[in-house]
Each structure stands twice: as C-alpha cells, then as structure tokens.
C-alpha atoms as a PDB file:
ATOM      1  CA  MET A   1      32.145  28.175  46.824  1.00  0.00           C
ATOM      2  CA  VAL A   2      32.982  29.395  50.340  1.00  0.00           C
ATOM      3  CA  ARG A   3      34.990  32.293  48.952  1.00  0.00           C
ATOM      4  CA  GLY A   4      32.046  33.355  46.762  1.00  0.00           C
ATOM      5  CA  ARG A   5      29.719  33.302  49.756  1.00  0.00           C
ATOM      6  CA  LEU A   6      32.176  35.377  51.760  1.00  0.00           C
ATOM      7  CA  LYS A   7      32.362  37.974  48.976  1.00  0.00           C
ATOM      8  CA  LEU A   8      28.566  38.062  48.739  1.00  0.00           C
ATOM      9  CA  SER A   9      28.252  38.427  52.519  1.00  0.00           C
ATOM     10  CA  LEU A  10      30.779  41.270  52.538  1.00  0.00           C
ATOM     11  CA  PHE A  11      28.975  42.968  49.637  1.00  0.00           C
ATOM     12  CA  ILE A  12      25.596  42.687  51.380  1.00  0.00           C
ATOM     13  CA  GLY A  13      27.060  43.806  54.704  1.00  0.00           C
ATOM     14  CA  ALA A  14      28.764  46.820  53.143  1.00  0.00           C
ATOM     15  CA  GLY A  15      25.581  47.736  51.275  1.00  0.00           C
ATOM     16  CA  LEU A  16      23.513  47.461  54.439  1.00  0.00           C
ATOM     17  CA  ALA A  17      26.017  49.547  56.407  1.00  0.00           C
ATOM     18  CA  LEU A  18      25.999  52.222  53.694  1.00  0.00           C
ATOM     19  CA  ALA A  19      22.182  52.240  53.570  1.00  0.00           C
ATOM     20  CA  LEU A  20      21.987  52.574  57.370  1.00  0.00           C
ATOM     21  CA  LEU A  21      24.541  55.377  57.381  1.00  0.00           C
ATOM     22  CA  LEU A  22      22.733  57.253  54.612  1.00  0.00           C
ATOM     23  CA  ALA A  23      19.363  56.732  56.296  1.00  0.00           C
ATOM     24  CA  PHE A  24      20.689  58.250  59.495  1.00  0.00           C
ATOM     25  CA  LEU A  25      22.582  61.147  57.934  1.00  0.00           C
ATOM     26  CA  VAL A  26      20.393  62.056  54.950  1.00  0.00           C
ATOM     27  CA  SER A  27      16.876  61.506  56.341  1.00  0.00           C
ATOM     28  CA  PRO A  28      16.947  64.678  58.458  1.00  0.00           C
ATOM     29  CA  GLU A  29      17.822  66.669  55.315  1.00  0.00           C
ATOM     30  CA  ALA A  30      14.633  65.656  53.463  1.00  0.00           C
ATOM     31  CA  SER A  31      12.551  68.465  52.041  1.00  0.00           C
ATOM     32  CA  SER A  32       9.883  69.928  54.288  1.00  0.00           C
ATOM     33  CA  LYS A  33       7.788  70.800  51.238  1.00  0.00           C
ATOM     34  CA  PRO A  34       4.665  68.675  50.648  1.00  0.00           C
ATOM     35  CA  ASP A  35       5.238  65.410  48.782  1.00  0.00           C
ATOM     36  CA  GLY A  36       3.302  64.394  45.643  1.00  0.00           C
ATOM     37  CA  LEU A  37      -0.044  63.466  47.178  1.00  0.00           C
ATOM     38  CA  ASN A  38      -0.079  66.371  49.602  1.00  0.00           C
ATOM     39  CA  LYS A  39       0.895  68.787  46.831  1.00  0.00           C
ATOM     40  CA  VAL A  40      -1.948  67.581  44.596  1.00  0.00           C
ATOM     41  CA  ALA A  41      -4.426  67.886  47.489  1.00  0.00           C
ATOM     42  CA  ILE A  42      -3.266  71.453  48.120  1.00  0.00           C
ATOM     43  CA  ASP A  43      -3.320  72.374  44.424  1.00  0.00           C
ATOM     44  CA  GLN A  44      -6.777  70.846  43.912  1.00  0.00           C
ATOM     45  CA  GLY A  45      -8.185  72.469  47.045  1.00  0.00           C
ATOM     46  CA  PHE A  46      -9.180  69.447  49.095  1.00  0.00           C
ATOM     47  CA  ALA A  47      -6.244  69.264  51.531  1.00  0.00           C
ATOM     48  CA  ASP A  48      -8.464  70.602  54.338  1.00  0.00           C
ATOM     49  CA  GLN A  49     -10.652  67.468  54.094  1.00  0.00           C
ATOM     50  CA  GLU A  50      -7.952  65.094  55.276  1.00  0.00           C
ATOM     51  CA  HIS A  51      -8.605  62.897  58.327  1.00  0.00           C
ATOM     52  CA  ASP A  52      -6.236  61.443  60.898  1.00  0.00           C
ATOM     53  CA  HIS A  53      -5.458  57.779  60.417  1.00  0.00           C
ATOM     54  CA  SER A  54      -5.411  55.043  63.033  1.00  0.00           C
ATOM     55  CA  LEU A  55      -1.586  54.934  63.243  1.00  0.00           C
ATOM     56  CA  GLN A  56      -1.005  58.648  63.771  1.00  0.00           C
ATOM     57  CA  ASP A  57       0.084  57.984  67.361  1.00  0.00           C
ATOM     58  CA  GLY A  58       2.345  55.073  66.385  1.00  0.00           C
ATOM     59  CA  PRO A  59       5.978  54.906  67.477  1.00  0.00           C
ATOM     60  CA  LEU A  60       7.241  55.973  64.021  1.00  0.00           C
ATOM     61  CA  ALA A  61       4.473  58.367  62.980  1.00  0.00           C
ATOM     62  CA  GLY A  62       5.565  61.559  61.252  1.00  0.00           C
ATOM     63  CA  TYR A  63       8.956  60.214  60.095  1.00  0.00           C
ATOM     64  CA  GLY A  64      10.327  60.262  63.614  1.00  0.00           C
ATOM     65  CA  VAL A  65      10.710  58.083  66.702  1.00  0.00           C
ATOM     66  CA  LYS A  66       8.249  58.830  69.465  1.00  0.00           C
ATOM     67  CA  GLY A  67       9.959  59.897  72.679  1.00  0.00           C
ATOM     68  CA  VAL A  68      13.144  61.227  71.037  1.00  0.00           C
ATOM     69  CA  ASP A  69      13.159  64.993  71.500  1.00  0.00           C
ATOM     70  CA  ASP A  70      16.005  65.881  69.122  1.00  0.00           C
ATOM     71  CA  GLU A  71      14.286  66.158  65.716  1.00  0.00           C
ATOM     72  CA  ARG A  72      17.389  65.252  63.673  1.00  0.00           C
ATOM     73  CA  MET A  73      18.114  62.228  65.861  1.00  0.00           C
ATOM     74  CA  SER A  74      14.467  61.153  65.780  1.00  0.00           C
ATOM     75  CA  THR A  75      14.296  61.327  61.978  1.00  0.00           C
ATOM     76  CA  GLY A  76      17.648  59.573  61.578  1.00  0.00           C
ATOM     77  CA  LEU A  77      16.610  56.758  63.896  1.00  0.00           C
ATOM     78  CA  ALA A  78      13.330  56.363  62.015  1.00  0.00           C
ATOM     79  CA  GLY A  79      15.385  56.043  58.807  1.00  0.00           C
ATOM     80  CA  ILE A  80      17.569  53.365  60.378  1.00  0.00           C
ATOM     81  CA  ILE A  81      14.537  51.443  61.626  1.00  0.00           C
ATOM     82  CA  GLY A  82      12.953  51.646  58.183  1.00  0.00           C
ATOM     83  CA  VAL A  83      16.084  50.354  56.434  1.00  0.00           C
ATOM     84  CA  ALA A  84      16.530  47.572  59.002  1.00  0.00           C
ATOM     85  CA  ALA A  85      12.895  46.473  58.716  1.00  0.00           C
ATOM     86  CA  THR A  86      13.047  46.489  54.917  1.00  0.00           C
ATOM     87  CA  PHE A  87      16.286  44.502  54.957  1.00  0.00           C
ATOM     88  CA  ALA A  88      14.858  41.977  57.426  1.00  0.00           C
ATOM     89  CA  LEU A  89      11.731  41.461  55.317  1.00  0.00           C
ATOM     90  CA  GLY A  90      13.802  41.085  52.141  1.00  0.00           C
ATOM     91  CA  ALA A  91      16.252  38.682  53.770  1.00  0.00           C
ATOM     92  CA  GLY A  92      13.371  36.622  55.145  1.00  0.00           C
ATOM     93  CA  PHE A  93      11.727  36.474  51.723  1.00  0.00           C
ATOM     94  CA  PHE A  94      14.941  35.364  50.020  1.00  0.00           C
ATOM     95  CA  ALA A  95      15.600  32.781  52.736  1.00  0.00           C
ATOM     96  CA  LEU A  96      12.148  31.279  52.101  1.00  0.00           C
ATOM     97  CA  VAL A  97      12.744  31.237  48.342  1.00  0.00           C
ATOM     98  CA  ARG A  98      16.128  29.613  48.804  1.00  0.00           C
ATOM     99  CA  ARG A  99      14.709  27.005  51.170  1.00  0.00           C
ATOM    100  CA  ARG A 100      11.952  26.214  48.688  1.00  0.00           C
ATOM    101  CA  GLN A 101      14.449  25.896  45.834  1.00  0.00           C
ATOM    102  CA  ARG A 102      16.619  23.545  47.896  1.00  0.00           C
ATOM    103  CA  SER A 103      13.677  21.347  48.856  1.00  0.00           C
ATOM    104  CA  THR A 104      12.513  21.228  45.231  1.00  0.00           C
ATOM    105  CA  THR A 105      16.035  20.315  44.066  1.00  0.00           C
ATOM    106  CA  LEU A 106      16.403  17.623  46.708  1.00  0.00           C
ATOM    107  CA  SER A 107      13.036  16.040  45.971  1.00  0.00           C
ATOM    108  CA  SER A 108      13.690  15.899  42.198  1.00  0.00           C
END
C-alpha cells in the first residue's frame, strides 16, 4: 500500500512539475491573435462596444503579473500561478472527497 502511494505521489509530482515547466516556457509563445470570443466580436462588428471589467487592474490581469516588466517573464509567472492555483483547488477538492469517503466508511 505504501509503495502504491509513493508511486502515485511521484506521478502527481512529476505531472505538476511538467505542467509548471510548460506553463512557464510555453505561455509566452501563445498567439497574439484574438481568441474565439474576441474574434466573433470583431467579425460581427460589436468589438468596439466592450467595457472594462472590475478586475482589469488585478495582479494577474492581461495574462501577466503586475509589476514584472519583462513581458515573457510576466506571462510565464502568470502561467505558473494559474497552474499552481488550479492544482491547489483540485487537491483540496479531492482531499475533501477522500475525507468524506473515509468518514462514511468508518460510520458504516
């Protein structure tokens, strides 16, 4: 059982490391062309009606980290933060599910 957990931990750790590395290295290479929603707005002629949202001045607005002047570094760091936040939320969710399953098993 311990060996299986170790293999799972190594698999998850390696996957997380790979995701973080890719987020840092590949994020700055993303296309500068408009994405799906922006492209439709341009094609349909209502792109000029867009409004700023309340988080436009947030620390990660615009796919970058506020205060980091190097654009590649800023985008890469934003990718890392995004991957880390997603992983933390997923790990927290699975920890809650596992805790609930254990308590249900113990009470049965």
